[in-house]
């Protein structure tokens, strides 16, 4: 079983290869309980904590850190810019630093590529009458990124990155970015392996972080995962965590149970053959942030934010052409143009 290894960011900073999340839900009772399990996580040995302005746990995490006596330099703290603060990036990081009670964060992420309209901090999830996120079209994520880049020289953030970015949105970001994101945090599990995105980020020097990392029951009950757990004498969750780390991915775990917290810090070093077997479980299945009845994920169409669904549509159409007796590859370019025109209409 492996202890927590360290990965290196493109800033040359090191980052623990497993993080404990600070999301507790927005219910007051859940937030009240967060201090206890964040305290046990720190005591268990976690040194990488993943927070966000929108989680409302920054003050709680800050209190836990202060009371622990663990030196700041031993910790790696991530927090995130909320989508309704896109016009006040520096003000937002100042709020987060004050809440956390620290002078800097190690990693500051743009939580989502789509910006939301600002009404108030209480209304952090502004919705349209149709139930979609009220997107702010007056600013682009490239402009938000430029504002985040200005934070780096101030020392308030050691590195900047993104969250929920696809290959498509990353390519658009990189066209104008002066600083390459240090990380991209996305949903990723054995049933949502996102291999193309992982490979793309690796080629650009961007570390992938995974939320929803264990895939919930959809993964832990898979016969292959159960079989590998027996082989490596560990739990199904530990198999999944070992799979992530073997791919160079940082899993973000959340547990309120001290035994599970300790367990998640120990995971097997999987043989390459087993890593490939786990990857083969991929079925492009999301557990969170699924498209709503309007076909949108937080105000944007799936094609705007997620590559894999559009690529699957593309491959499905090619397969259909094959079935109909045509030569799919001779129609590839024309078909791609048709799909792109269709995507432009629906987005």
Foldseek 3Di string as FASTA:
>chain_A
DDFFDWDAFPLRDIDTQAEAEQAQDPDPVSLVLSLLLLLLLVVLPGQEYEEEPVSVNLLSQLVSVVVVPDDPVSHAYEYEDQQQCLVPVVVRLVVSCVSNVHQAHAEYEHEEQFHAHDDDPVPSQDADPVGFGHTDPPDGSLSSLVVVVVCCVVRRYVFYAYELAAPVRLVVNVVRDPDRHREYEYADELQAHNVVRLVVCVVVRYAYEHECQHVPCVQQVPPLLVVVCVVQVAGSSLASSLLQVLSRYRYHHYDSDSVVSSRNSDHDNDDPVSSVVSNVNHPNDDDPQAQDPLCDRRRHHCVVRYDPVLVVVLVVVLVVCVVVPHNSVVCNVVSVVVSVVVNVVSD
